[in-house]
Amino acid sequence: LAQIQQFRALHRRFPSRQELFGIESDSEKWRNQRLIYIVPEGRPQAPLFGYRSTRNLFDSYLYDFDRNAWRFAPD
């Protein structure tokens, strides 16, 4: 989250997945089943950023960039 916010402050936009992780977004090399980072095609919108719950595989915690707060997203 800190990296995303720092990039946004410097460049006035959200980073692509490649800019954030340093790899191609569709690369098979980067696999983290718990971390979520999806940038919309129209990119002025906030990305979907969060992580999967450790207690329930289908639940997640997502960051709301408009409110600057985490929210629980049950399945």
C-alpha atoms as a PDB file:
ATOM      1  CA  LEU A   1       0.000   0.000   0.000  1.00  0.00           C
ATOM      2  CA  ALA A   2       2.816   2.384   0.836  1.00  0.00           C
ATOM      3  CA  GLN A   3       4.460   1.711  -2.552  1.00  0.00           C
ATOM      4  CA  ILE A   4       1.196   2.414  -4.384  1.00  0.00           C
ATOM      5  CA  GLN A   5       0.619   5.647  -2.488  1.00  0.00           C
ATOM      6  CA  GLN A   6       4.208   6.802  -3.015  1.00  0.00           C
ATOM      7  CA  PHE A   7       4.033   6.073  -6.759  1.00  0.00           C
ATOM      8  CA  ARG A   8       0.701   7.910  -6.988  1.00  0.00           C
ATOM      9  CA  ALA A   9       2.119  10.965  -5.208  1.00  0.00           C
ATOM     10  CA  LEU A  10       5.113  11.108  -7.560  1.00  0.00           C
ATOM     11  CA  HIS A  11       3.349  10.344 -10.863  1.00  0.00           C
ATOM     12  CA  ARG A  12      -0.247  11.472 -10.153  1.00  0.00           C
ATOM     13  CA  ARG A  13      -1.616   8.111 -11.258  1.00  0.00           C
ATOM     14  CA  PHE A  14      -1.751   4.551 -10.017  1.00  0.00           C
ATOM     15  CA  PRO A  15       1.056   2.208 -11.063  1.00  0.00           C
ATOM     16  CA  SER A  16       0.524  -0.604 -13.527  1.00  0.00           C
ATOM     17  CA  ARG A  17       1.182  -4.080 -12.236  1.00  0.00           C
ATOM     18  CA  GLN A  18       4.516  -4.106 -14.042  1.00  0.00           C
ATOM     19  CA  GLU A  19       5.538  -0.778 -12.502  1.00  0.00           C
ATOM     20  CA  LEU A  20       4.576  -1.976  -9.035  1.00  0.00           C
ATOM     21  CA  PHE A  21       6.040  -5.474  -9.130  1.00  0.00           C
ATOM     22  CA  GLY A  22       8.698  -5.005 -11.814  1.00  0.00           C
ATOM     23  CA  ILE A  23       7.381  -7.776 -14.073  1.00  0.00           C
ATOM     24  CA  GLU A  24       4.890  -8.274 -16.872  1.00  0.00           C
ATOM     25  CA  SER A  25       1.308  -8.362 -15.620  1.00  0.00           C
ATOM     26  CA  ASP A  26       0.519 -11.627 -17.383  1.00  0.00           C
ATOM     27  CA  SER A  27       3.750 -13.308 -16.393  1.00  0.00           C
ATOM     28  CA  GLU A  28       3.578 -16.761 -14.887  1.00  0.00           C
ATOM     29  CA  LYS A  29       6.586 -15.884 -12.729  1.00  0.00           C
ATOM     30  CA  TRP A  30       4.573 -13.708 -10.360  1.00  0.00           C
ATOM     31  CA  ARG A  31       2.130 -15.818  -8.424  1.00  0.00           C
ATOM     32  CA  ASN A  32       0.723 -14.731  -5.128  1.00  0.00           C
ATOM     33  CA  GLN A  33      -2.690 -16.226  -4.570  1.00  0.00           C
ATOM     34  CA  ARG A  34      -3.386 -14.005  -1.565  1.00  0.00           C
ATOM     35  CA  LEU A  35      -2.460 -10.578  -2.923  1.00  0.00           C
ATOM     36  CA  ILE A  36      -4.871  -8.818  -5.301  1.00  0.00           C
ATOM     37  CA  TYR A  37      -3.877  -5.942  -7.579  1.00  0.00           C
ATOM     38  CA  ILE A  38      -6.018  -5.212 -10.620  1.00  0.00           C
ATOM     39  CA  VAL A  39      -5.704  -1.935 -12.524  1.00  0.00           C
ATOM     40  CA  PRO A  40      -8.761  -0.911 -14.599  1.00  0.00           C
ATOM     41  CA  GLU A  41      -8.239  -0.304 -18.307  1.00  0.00           C
ATOM     42  CA  GLY A  42      -9.260   3.369 -18.037  1.00  0.00           C
ATOM     43  CA  ARG A  43      -6.655   3.938 -15.318  1.00  0.00           C
ATOM     44  CA  PRO A  44      -7.822   7.176 -13.714  1.00  0.00           C
ATOM     45  CA  GLN A  45      -9.892   4.899 -11.506  1.00  0.00           C
ATOM     46  CA  ALA A  46      -8.429   3.368  -8.394  1.00  0.00           C
ATOM     47  CA  PRO A  47      -7.119  -0.173  -8.711  1.00  0.00           C
ATOM     48  CA  LEU A  48      -8.556  -3.123  -6.865  1.00  0.00           C
ATOM     49  CA  PHE A  49      -5.997  -3.776  -4.139  1.00  0.00           C
ATOM     50  CA  GLY A  50      -6.225  -6.171  -1.251  1.00  0.00           C
ATOM     51  CA  TYR A  51      -5.517  -9.596   0.098  1.00  0.00           C
ATOM     52  CA  ARG A  52      -7.390 -12.807   0.701  1.00  0.00           C
ATOM     53  CA  SER A  53      -8.502 -13.736   4.183  1.00  0.00           C
ATOM     54  CA  THR A  54      -6.365 -16.267   5.995  1.00  0.00           C
ATOM     55  CA  ARG A  55      -9.457 -17.785   7.614  1.00  0.00           C
ATOM     56  CA  ASN A  56     -11.761 -18.135   4.620  1.00  0.00           C
ATOM     57  CA  LEU A  57     -10.400 -18.645   1.118  1.00  0.00           C
ATOM     58  CA  PHE A  58     -13.306 -16.763  -0.492  1.00  0.00           C
ATOM     59  CA  ASP A  59     -13.273 -13.637   1.713  1.00  0.00           C
ATOM     60  CA  SER A  60     -10.919 -10.721   1.175  1.00  0.00           C
ATOM     61  CA  TYR A  61      -9.903  -7.342   2.531  1.00  0.00           C
ATOM     62  CA  LEU A  62      -9.868  -4.558  -0.042  1.00  0.00           C
ATOM     63  CA  TYR A  63      -8.454  -1.069   0.263  1.00  0.00           C
ATOM     64  CA  ASP A  64     -10.805   1.814  -0.523  1.00  0.00           C
ATOM     65  CA  PHE A  65      -8.593   4.557  -1.979  1.00  0.00           C
ATOM     66  CA  ASP A  66     -11.430   7.115  -1.800  1.00  0.00           C
ATOM     67  CA  ARG A  67     -11.893   6.643   1.940  1.00  0.00           C
ATOM     68  CA  ASN A  68      -8.305   5.612   2.754  1.00  0.00           C
ATOM     69  CA  ALA A  69      -9.550   2.616   4.689  1.00  0.00           C
ATOM     70  CA  TRP A  70      -9.645  -1.166   4.503  1.00  0.00           C
ATOM     71  CA  ARG A  71     -12.998  -2.896   4.090  1.00  0.00           C
ATOM     72  CA  PHE A  72     -13.974  -6.519   4.516  1.00  0.00           C
ATOM     73  CA  ALA A  73     -15.446  -8.149   1.407  1.00  0.00           C
ATOM     74  CA  PRO A  74     -17.155 -11.446   2.249  1.00  0.00           C
ATOM     75  CA  ASP A  75     -17.914 -13.840  -0.558  1.00  0.00           C
END
